[in-house]
PDB file of N, CA and C in Angstrom:
ATOM      1  N   MET A   1      23.028 -70.070   8.528  1.00  0.00           N
ATOM      2  CA  MET A   1      23.664 -68.805   8.320  1.00  0.00           C
ATOM      3  C   MET A   1      22.811 -67.878   7.458  1.00  0.00           C
ATOM      4  N   LEU A   2      22.046 -68.432   6.593  1.00  0.00           N
ATOM      5  CA  LEU A   2      21.195 -67.654   5.712  1.00  0.00           C
ATOM      6  C   LEU A   2      20.154 -66.851   6.486  1.00  0.00           C
ATOM      7  N   PRO A   3      19.481 -67.449   7.497  1.00  0.00           N
ATOM      8  CA  PRO A   3      18.502 -66.661   8.242  1.00  0.00           C
ATOM      9  C   PRO A   3      19.124 -65.472   8.963  1.00  0.00           C
ATOM     10  N   ILE A   4      20.329 -65.573   9.438  1.00  0.00           N
ATOM     11  CA  ILE A   4      20.987 -64.447  10.110  1.00  0.00           C
ATOM     12  C   ILE A   4      21.243 -63.337   9.103  1.00  0.00           C
ATOM     13  N   HIS A   5      21.659 -63.723   7.919  1.00  0.00           N
ATOM     14  CA  HIS A   5      21.921 -62.742   6.862  1.00  0.00           C
ATOM     15  C   HIS A   5      20.643 -61.969   6.518  1.00  0.00           C
ATOM     16  N   ARG A   6      19.515 -62.706   6.406  1.00  0.00           N
ATOM     17  CA  ARG A   6      18.227 -62.057   6.111  1.00  0.00           C
ATOM     18  C   ARG A   6      17.805 -61.151   7.259  1.00  0.00           C
ATOM     19  N   SER A   7      18.038 -61.576   8.448  1.00  0.00           N
ATOM     20  CA  SER A   7      17.700 -60.767   9.619  1.00  0.00           C
ATOM     21  C   SER A   7      18.498 -59.461   9.624  1.00  0.00           C
ATOM     22  N   ILE A   8      19.759 -59.557   9.316  1.00  0.00           N
ATOM     23  CA  ILE A   8      20.600 -58.354   9.257  1.00  0.00           C
ATOM     24  C   ILE A   8      20.140 -57.449   8.119  1.00  0.00           C
ATOM     25  N   GLU A   9      19.795 -58.079   6.996  1.00  0.00           N
ATOM     26  CA  GLU A   9      19.332 -57.299   5.839  1.00  0.00           C
ATOM     27  C   GLU A   9      18.030 -56.578   6.167  1.00  0.00           C
ATOM     28  N   ARG A  10      17.093 -57.270   6.801  1.00  0.00           N
ATOM     29  CA  ARG A  10      15.811 -56.651   7.187  1.00  0.00           C
ATOM     30  C   ARG A  10      16.037 -55.523   8.189  1.00  0.00           C
ATOM     31  N   SER A  11      16.917 -55.773   9.119  1.00  0.00           N
ATOM     32  CA  SER A  11      17.230 -54.751  10.110  1.00  0.00           C
ATOM     33  C   SER A  11      17.832 -53.516   9.436  1.00  0.00           C
ATOM     34  N   ALA A  12      18.709 -53.742   8.485  1.00  0.00           N
ATOM     35  CA  ALA A  12      19.321 -52.624   7.759  1.00  0.00           C
ATOM     36  C   ALA A  12      18.283 -51.880   6.928  1.00  0.00           C
ATOM     37  N   GLN A  13      17.370 -52.631   6.288  1.00  0.00           N
ATOM     38  CA  GLN A  13      16.303 -51.995   5.507  1.00  0.00           C
ATOM     39  C   GLN A  13      15.403 -51.166   6.419  1.00  0.00           C
ATOM     40  N   HIS A  14      15.064 -51.762   7.546  1.00  0.00           N
ATOM     41  CA  HIS A  14      14.204 -51.052   8.506  1.00  0.00           C
ATOM     42  C   HIS A  14      14.883 -49.760   8.981  1.00  0.00           C
ATOM     43  N   GLU A  15      16.144 -49.839   9.294  1.00  0.00           N
ATOM     44  CA  GLU A  15      16.899 -48.657   9.740  1.00  0.00           C
ATOM     45  C   GLU A  15      16.975 -47.620   8.620  1.00  0.00           C
ATOM     46  N   ALA A  16      17.170 -48.074   7.391  1.00  0.00           N
ATOM     47  CA  ALA A  16      17.230 -47.154   6.251  1.00  0.00           C
ATOM     48  C   ALA A  16      15.888 -46.458   6.051  1.00  0.00           C
ATOM     49  N   GLN A  17      14.791 -47.204   6.185  1.00  0.00           N
ATOM     50  CA  GLN A  17      13.459 -46.614   6.049  1.00  0.00           C
ATOM     51  C   GLN A  17      13.197 -45.604   7.165  1.00  0.00           C
ATOM     52  N   ARG A  18      13.603 -45.968   8.369  1.00  0.00           N
ATOM     53  CA  ARG A  18      13.415 -45.062   9.511  1.00  0.00           C
ATOM     54  C   ARG A  18      14.214 -43.771   9.297  1.00  0.00           C
ATOM     55  N   THR A  19      15.435 -43.909   8.836  1.00  0.00           N
ATOM     56  CA  THR A  19      16.278 -42.740   8.569  1.00  0.00           C
ATOM     57  C   THR A  19      15.681 -41.883   7.454  1.00  0.00           C
ATOM     58  N   GLU A  20      15.151 -42.549   6.430  1.00  0.00           N
ATOM     59  CA  GLU A  20      14.534 -41.820   5.316  1.00  0.00           C
ATOM     60  C   GLU A  20      13.291 -41.065   5.790  1.00  0.00           C
ATOM     61  N   GLN A  21      12.460 -41.707   6.594  1.00  0.00           N
ATOM     62  CA  GLN A  21      11.258 -41.057   7.121  1.00  0.00           C
ATOM     63  C   GLN A  21      11.626 -39.862   7.993  1.00  0.00           C
ATOM     64  N   LYS A  22      12.653 -40.047   8.798  1.00  0.00           N
ATOM     65  CA  LYS A  22      13.102 -38.951   9.661  1.00  0.00           C
ATOM     66  C   LYS A  22      13.587 -37.776   8.807  1.00  0.00           C
ATOM     67  N   ALA A  23      14.340 -38.075   7.761  1.00  0.00           N
ATOM     68  CA  ALA A  23      14.842 -37.023   6.871  1.00  0.00           C
ATOM     69  C   ALA A  23      13.691 -36.322   6.155  1.00  0.00           C
ATOM     70  N   LYS A  24      12.697 -37.091   5.715  1.00  0.00           N
ATOM     71  CA  LYS A  24      11.528 -36.491   5.053  1.00  0.00           C
ATOM     72  C   LYS A  24      10.773 -35.584   6.024  1.00  0.00           C
ATOM     73  N   GLY A  25      10.642 -36.051   7.266  1.00  0.00           N
ATOM     74  CA  GLY A  25       9.972 -35.237   8.278  1.00  0.00           C
ATOM     75  C   GLY A  25      10.710 -33.935   8.533  1.00  0.00           C
ATOM     76  N   GLU A  26      12.019 -34.009   8.637  1.00  0.00           N
ATOM     77  CA  GLU A  26      12.830 -32.801   8.843  1.00  0.00           C
ATOM     78  C   GLU A  26      12.721 -31.860   7.648  1.00  0.00           C
ATOM     79  N   LEU A  27      12.735 -32.437   6.457  1.00  0.00           N
ATOM     80  CA  LEU A  27      12.607 -31.632   5.243  1.00  0.00           C
ATOM     81  C   LEU A  27      11.257 -30.918   5.204  1.00  0.00           C
ATOM     82  N   GLU A  28      10.197 -31.630   5.554  1.00  0.00           N
ATOM     83  CA  GLU A  28       8.861 -31.031   5.574  1.00  0.00           C
ATOM     84  C   GLU A  28       8.782 -29.934   6.637  1.00  0.00           C
ATOM     85  N   ARG A  29       9.373 -30.190   7.806  1.00  0.00           N
ATOM     86  CA  ARG A  29       9.374 -29.182   8.869  1.00  0.00           C
ATOM     87  C   ARG A  29      10.112 -27.932   8.408  1.00  0.00           C
ATOM     88  N   GLN A  30      11.251 -28.115   7.753  1.00  0.00           N
ATOM     89  CA  GLN A  30      12.030 -26.975   7.264  1.00  0.00           C
ATOM     90  C   GLN A  30      11.261 -26.218   6.182  1.00  0.00           C
ATOM     91  N   LYS A  31      10.563 -26.961   5.330  1.00  0.00           N
ATOM     92  CA  LYS A  31       9.751 -26.329   4.280  1.00  0.00           C
ATOM     93  C   LYS A  31       8.667 -25.448   4.903  1.00  0.00           C
ATOM     94  N   LEU A  32       7.983 -25.972   5.909  1.00  0.00           N
ATOM     95  CA  LEU A  32       6.941 -25.198   6.588  1.00  0.00           C
ATOM     96  C   LEU A  32       7.527 -23.970   7.285  1.00  0.00           C
ATOM     97  N   GLN A  33       8.678 -24.139   7.902  1.00  0.00           N
ATOM     98  CA  GLN A  33       9.346 -23.011   8.559  1.00  0.00           C
ATOM     99  C   GLN A  33       9.703 -21.937   7.537  1.00  0.00           C
ATOM    100  N   ASN A  34      10.228 -22.348   6.393  1.00  0.00           N
ATOM    101  CA  ASN A  34      10.584 -21.394   5.335  1.00  0.00           C
ATOM    102  C   ASN A  34       9.352 -20.665   4.811  1.00  0.00           C
ATOM    103  N   GLU A  35       8.252 -21.396   4.637  1.00  0.00           N
ATOM    104  CA  GLU A  35       7.012 -20.772   4.174  1.00  0.00           C
ATOM    105  C   GLU A  35       6.506 -19.757   5.196  1.00  0.00           C
ATOM    106  N   LYS A  36       6.598 -20.107   6.471  1.00  0.00           N
ATOM    107  CA  LYS A  36       6.171 -19.195   7.537  1.00  0.00           C
ATOM    108  C   LYS A  36       7.008 -17.914   7.506  1.00  0.00           C
ATOM    109  N   GLU A  37       8.323 -18.068   7.389  1.00  0.00           N
ATOM    110  CA  GLU A  37       9.207 -16.899   7.353  1.00  0.00           C
ATOM    111  C   GLU A  37       8.957 -16.053   6.107  1.00  0.00           C
ATOM    112  N   ALA A  38       8.695 -16.702   4.983  1.00  0.00           N
ATOM    113  CA  ALA A  38       8.404 -15.963   3.751  1.00  0.00           C
ATOM    114  C   ALA A  38       7.101 -15.182   3.897  1.00  0.00           C
ATOM    115  N   GLU A  39       6.107 -15.782   4.529  1.00  0.00           N
ATOM    116  CA  GLU A  39       4.827 -15.100   4.732  1.00  0.00           C
ATOM    117  C   GLU A  39       5.000 -13.903   5.668  1.00  0.00           C
ATOM    118  N   GLU A  40       5.798 -14.061   6.710  1.00  0.00           N
ATOM    119  CA  GLU A  40       6.069 -12.944   7.618  1.00  0.00           C
ATOM    120  C   GLU A  40       6.793 -11.820   6.884  1.00  0.00           C
ATOM    121  N   ALA A  41       7.719 -12.170   6.008  1.00  0.00           N
ATOM    122  CA  ALA A  41       8.442 -11.159   5.229  1.00  0.00           C
ATOM    123  C   ALA A  41       7.493 -10.444   4.271  1.00  0.00           C
ATOM    124  N   ARG A  42       6.571 -11.197   3.645  1.00  0.00           N
ATOM    125  CA  ARG A  42       5.579 -10.568   2.752  1.00  0.00           C
ATOM    126  C   ARG A  42       4.689  -9.606   3.533  1.00  0.00           C
ATOM    127  N   LYS A  43       4.281 -10.020   4.734  1.00  0.00           N
ATOM    128  CA  LYS A  43       3.431  -9.170   5.575  1.00  0.00           C
ATOM    129  C   LYS A  43       4.164  -7.874   5.920  1.00  0.00           C
ATOM    130  N   GLU A  44       5.422  -7.999   6.308  1.00  0.00           N
ATOM    131  CA  GLU A  44       6.215  -6.814   6.651  1.00  0.00           C
ATOM    132  C   GLU A  44       6.389  -5.906   5.434  1.00  0.00           C
ATOM    133  N   LEU A  45       6.616  -6.498   4.273  1.00  0.00           N
ATOM    134  CA  LEU A  45       6.755  -5.716   3.047  1.00  0.00           C
ATOM    135  C   LEU A  45       5.477  -4.934   2.761  1.00  0.00           C
ATOM    136  N   LEU A  46       4.324  -5.582   2.884  1.00  0.00           N
ATOM    137  CA  LEU A  46       3.051  -4.900   2.641  1.00  0.00           C
ATOM    138  C   LEU A  46       2.832  -3.763   3.638  1.00  0.00           C
ATOM    139  N   GLU A  47       3.201  -3.991   4.896  1.00  0.00           N
ATOM    140  CA  GLU A  47       3.065  -2.933   5.899  1.00  0.00           C
ATOM    141  C   GLU A  47       3.961  -1.744   5.553  1.00  0.00           C
ATOM    142  N   LEU A  48       5.185  -2.019   5.136  1.00  0.00           N
ATOM    143  CA  LEU A  48       6.103  -0.937   4.763  1.00  0.00           C
ATOM    144  C   LEU A  48       5.625  -0.213   3.509  1.00  0.00           C
ATOM    145  N   GLN A  49       5.054  -0.951   2.562  1.00  0.00           N
ATOM    146  CA  GLN A  49       4.512  -0.315   1.362  1.00  0.00           C
ATOM    147  C   GLN A  49       3.338   0.594   1.724  1.00  0.00           C
ATOM    148  N   ALA A  50       2.513   0.168   2.682  1.00  0.00           N
ATOM    149  CA  ALA A  50       1.386   0.993   3.116  1.00  0.00           C
ATOM    150  C   ALA A  50       1.885   2.272   3.782  1.00  0.00           C
ATOM    151  N   VAL A  51       2.901   2.150   4.613  1.00  0.00           N
ATOM    152  CA  VAL A  51       3.482   3.335   5.262  1.00  0.00           C
ATOM    153  C   VAL A  51       4.078   4.268   4.213  1.00  0.00           C
ATOM    154  N   ALA A  52       4.790   3.711   3.255  1.00  0.00           N
ATOM    155  CA  ALA A  52       5.400   4.526   2.200  1.00  0.00           C
ATOM    156  C   ALA A  52       4.329   5.247   1.390  1.00  0.00           C
ATOM    157  N   ALA A  53       3.233   4.561   1.094  1.00  0.00           N
ATOM    158  CA  ALA A  53       2.142   5.181   0.346  1.00  0.00           C
ATOM    159  C   ALA A  53       1.512   6.311   1.154  1.00  0.00           C
ATOM    160  N   ALA A  54       1.365   6.111   2.462  1.00  0.00           N
ATOM    161  CA  ALA A  54       0.798   7.154   3.316  1.00  0.00           C
ATOM    162  C   ALA A  54       1.715   8.368   3.362  1.00  0.00           C
ATOM    163  N   VAL A  55       3.009   8.133   3.477  1.00  0.00           N
ATOM    164  CA  VAL A  55       3.973   9.237   3.498  1.00  0.00           C
ATOM    165  C   VAL A  55       3.943   9.979   2.170  1.00  0.00           C
ATOM    166  N   GLU A  56       3.892   9.228   1.079  1.00  0.00           N
ATOM    167  CA  GLU A  56       3.842   9.855  -0.247  1.00  0.00           C
ATOM    168  C   GLU A  56       2.569  10.678  -0.404  1.00  0.00           C
ATOM    169  N   SER A  57       1.453  10.133   0.052  1.00  0.00           N
ATOM    170  CA  SER A  57       0.175  10.835  -0.036  1.00  0.00           C
ATOM    171  C   SER A  57       0.202  12.109   0.798  1.00  0.00           C
ATOM    172  N   THR A  58       0.762  12.023   2.001  1.00  0.00           N
ATOM    173  CA  THR A  58       0.873  13.194   2.867  1.00  0.00           C
ATOM    174  C   THR A  58       1.758  14.248   2.222  1.00  0.00           C
ATOM    175  N   GLY A  59       2.862  13.815   1.648  1.00  0.00           N
ATOM    176  CA  GLY A  59       3.760  14.746   0.965  1.00  0.00           C
ATOM    177  C   GLY A  59       3.082  15.421  -0.208  1.00  0.00           C
ATOM    178  N   GLN A  60       2.296  14.658  -0.959  1.00  0.00           N
ATOM    179  CA  GLN A  60       1.567  15.211  -2.102  1.00  0.00           C
ATOM    180  C   GLN A  60       0.539  16.227  -1.619  1.00  0.00           C
ATOM    181  N   ALA A  61      -0.200  15.900  -0.562  1.00  0.00           N
ATOM    182  CA  ALA A  61      -1.204  16.821  -0.030  1.00  0.00           C
ATOM    183  C   ALA A  61      -0.537  18.098   0.481  1.00  0.00           C
ATOM    184  N   LYS A  62       0.603  17.955   1.146  1.00  0.00           N
ATOM    185  CA  LYS A  62       1.325  19.123   1.653  1.00  0.00           C
ATOM    186  C   LYS A  62       1.805  19.996   0.499  1.00  0.00           C
ATOM    187  N   ALA A  63       2.326  19.370  -0.541  1.00  0.00           N
ATOM    188  CA  ALA A  63       2.804  20.128  -1.701  1.00  0.00           C
ATOM    189  C   ALA A  63       1.654  20.868  -2.373  1.00  0.00           C
ATOM    190  N   GLU A  64       0.508  20.215  -2.495  1.00  0.00           N
ATOM    191  CA  GLU A  64      -0.657  20.862  -3.104  1.00  0.00           C
ATOM    192  C   GLU A  64      -1.144  22.027  -2.242  1.00  0.00           C
ATOM    193  N   ALA A  65      -1.181  21.846  -0.928  1.00  0.00           N
ATOM    194  CA  ALA A  65      -1.617  22.916  -0.030  1.00  0.00           C
ATOM    195  C   ALA A  65      -0.649  24.092  -0.090  1.00  0.00           C
ATOM    196  N   GLN A  66       0.638  23.797  -0.137  1.00  0.00           N
ATOM    197  CA  GLN A  66       1.639  24.856  -0.219  1.00  0.00           C
ATOM    198  C   GLN A  66       1.509  25.607  -1.545  1.00  0.00           C
ATOM    199  N   ALA A  67       1.291  24.887  -2.623  1.00  0.00           N
ATOM    200  CA  ALA A  67       1.124  25.525  -3.931  1.00  0.00           C
ATOM    201  C   ALA A  67      -0.116  26.414  -3.936  1.00  0.00           C
ATOM    202  N   GLN A  68      -1.190  25.930  -3.330  1.00  0.00           N
ATOM    203  CA  GLN A  68      -2.415  26.731  -3.271  1.00  0.00           C
ATOM    204  C   GLN A  68      -2.193  27.981  -2.412  1.00  0.00           C
ATOM    205  N   ALA A  69      -1.496  27.845  -1.297  1.00  0.00           N
ATOM    206  CA  ALA A  69      -1.220  28.999  -0.438  1.00  0.00           C
ATOM    207  C   ALA A  69      -0.378  30.028  -1.183  1.00  0.00           C
ATOM    208  N   GLU A  70       0.622  29.562  -1.922  1.00  0.00           N
ATOM    209  CA  GLU A  70       1.457  30.484  -2.701  1.00  0.00           C
ATOM    210  C   GLU A  70       0.644  31.163  -3.796  1.00  0.00           C
ATOM    211  N   ARG A  71      -0.253  30.398  -4.421  1.00  0.00           N
ATOM    212  CA  ARG A  71      -1.110  30.981  -5.465  1.00  0.00           C
ATOM    213  C   ARG A  71      -1.998  32.069  -4.870  1.00  0.00           C
ATOM    214  N   LEU A  72      -2.600  31.788  -3.715  1.00  0.00           N
ATOM    215  CA  LEU A  72      -3.470  32.774  -3.076  1.00  0.00           C
ATOM    216  C   LEU A  72      -2.682  34.005  -2.634  1.00  0.00           C
ATOM    217  N   LEU A  73      -1.462  33.804  -2.157  1.00  0.00           N
ATOM    218  CA  LEU A  73      -0.615  34.922  -1.759  1.00  0.00           C
ATOM    219  C   LEU A  73      -0.300  35.806  -2.963  1.00  0.00           C
ATOM    220  N   ILE A  74       0.054  35.166  -4.075  1.00  0.00           N
ATOM    221  CA  ILE A  74       0.351  35.930  -5.296  1.00  0.00           C
ATOM    222  C   ILE A  74      -0.888  36.667  -5.772  1.00  0.00           C
ATOM    223  N   GLU A  75      -2.041  36.010  -5.740  1.00  0.00           N
ATOM    224  CA  GLU A  75      -3.285  36.665  -6.152  1.00  0.00           C
ATOM    225  C   GLU A  75      -3.593  37.849  -5.240  1.00  0.00           C
ATOM    226  N   GLY A  76      -3.375  37.650  -3.940  1.00  0.00           N
ATOM    227  CA  GLY A  76      -3.627  38.744  -2.993  1.00  0.00           C
ATOM    228  C   GLY A  76      -2.683  39.907  -3.217  1.00  0.00           C
ATOM    229  N   GLN A  77      -1.398  39.618  -3.422  1.00  0.00           N
ATOM    230  CA  GLN A  77      -0.433  40.684  -3.687  1.00  0.00           C
ATOM    231  C   GLN A  77      -0.752  41.391  -4.997  1.00  0.00           C
ATOM    232  N   SER A  78      -1.175  40.629  -5.972  1.00  0.00           N
ATOM    233  CA  SER A  78      -1.529  41.210  -7.268  1.00  0.00           C
ATOM    234  C   SER A  78      -2.740  42.119  -7.122  1.00  0.00           C
ATOM    235  N   ALA A  79      -3.706  41.694  -6.340  1.00  0.00           N
ATOM    236  CA  ALA A  79      -4.903  42.508  -6.137  1.00  0.00           C
ATOM    237  C   ALA A  79      -4.548  43.806  -5.424  1.00  0.00           C
ATOM    238  N   ILE A  80      -3.629  43.737  -4.473  1.00  0.00           N
ATOM    239  CA  ILE A  80      -3.212  44.943  -3.751  1.00  0.00           C
ATOM    240  C   ILE A  80      -2.479  45.887  -4.685  1.00  0.00           C
ATOM    241  N   GLU A  81      -1.610  45.353  -5.509  1.00  0.00           N
ATOM    242  CA  GLU A  81      -0.846  46.189  -6.434  1.00  0.00           C
ATOM    243  C   GLU A  81      -1.738  46.815  -7.494  1.00  0.00           C
ATOM    244  N   CYS A  82      -2.781  46.122  -7.899  1.00  0.00           N
ATOM    245  CA  CYS A  82      -3.660  46.637  -8.946  1.00  0.00           C
ATOM    246  C   CYS A  82      -4.631  47.681  -8.414  1.00  0.00           C
ATOM    247  N   LYS A  83      -5.056  47.576  -7.177  1.00  0.00           N
ATOM    248  CA  LYS A  83      -6.060  48.493  -6.634  1.00  0.00           C
ATOM    249  C   LYS A  83      -5.630  49.011  -5.274  1.00  0.00           C
ATOM    250  N   PRO A  84      -4.610  49.817  -5.209  1.00  0.00           N
ATOM    251  CA  PRO A  84      -4.162  50.313  -3.908  1.00  0.00           C
ATOM    252  C   PRO A  84      -5.197  51.219  -3.245  1.00  0.00           C
ATOM    253  N   GLU A  85      -5.992  51.952  -4.022  1.00  0.00           N
ATOM    254  CA  GLU A  85      -6.972  52.849  -3.416  1.00  0.00           C
ATOM    255  C   GLU A  85      -8.084  52.095  -2.707  1.00  0.00           C
ATOM    256  N   SER A  86      -8.487  50.938  -3.217  1.00  0.00           N
ATOM    257  CA  SER A  86      -9.534  50.167  -2.551  1.00  0.00           C
ATOM    258  C   SER A  86      -9.015  49.576  -1.247  1.00  0.00           C
ATOM    259  N   VAL A  87      -7.734  49.231  -1.203  1.00  0.00           N
ATOM    260  CA  VAL A  87      -7.138  48.728   0.026  1.00  0.00           C
ATOM    261  C   VAL A  87      -7.056  49.851   1.044  1.00  0.00           C
ATOM    262  N   LEU A  88      -6.684  51.035   0.582  1.00  0.00           N
ATOM    263  CA  LEU A  88      -6.603  52.169   1.497  1.00  0.00           C
ATOM    264  C   LEU A  88      -7.969  52.491   2.066  1.00  0.00           C
ATOM    265  N   ASN A  89      -9.010  52.366   1.258  1.00  0.00           N
ATOM    266  CA  ASN A  89     -10.367  52.592   1.746  1.00  0.00           C
ATOM    267  C   ASN A  89     -10.734  51.568   2.820  1.00  0.00           C
ATOM    268  N   LEU A  90     -10.319  50.333   2.638  1.00  0.00           N
ATOM    269  CA  LEU A  90     -10.614  49.296   3.627  1.00  0.00           C
ATOM    270  C   LEU A  90      -9.861  49.555   4.923  1.00  0.00           C
ATOM    271  N   VAL A  91      -8.621  50.021   4.810  1.00  0.00           N
ATOM    272  CA  VAL A  91      -7.803  50.277   5.984  1.00  0.00           C
ATOM    273  C   VAL A  91      -8.364  51.451   6.770  1.00  0.00           C
ATOM    274  N   SER A  92      -8.867  52.458   6.100  1.00  0.00           N
ATOM    275  CA  SER A  92      -9.357  53.645   6.791  1.00  0.00           C
ATOM    276  C   SER A  92     -10.728  53.432   7.406  1.00  0.00           C
ATOM    277  N   MET A  93     -11.389  52.376   7.138  1.00  0.00           N
ATOM    278  CA  MET A  93     -12.720  52.122   7.693  1.00  0.00           C
ATOM    279  C   MET A  93     -12.691  51.781   9.122  1.00  0.00           C
TER     280      MET A  93
END
């Protein structure tokens, strides 16, 4: 009877080891899957940050160009108001 008991015990140990290995394999697979998804999320975040930076840069350039255009318009209007006779001379040419 003792050898049967040992056989059952070995079989149970073997099954427990197999189950443990399977669980470890699944855990490792899930870990790799999670790392892959995290890397994809980081990549998407960097792409969105690059787009946001480009939009911000474009907005800044547009604001600077608009400010310069307004400055030139004011300077031009000021020049006309200060020297109307020189403008009239240019118009009559």
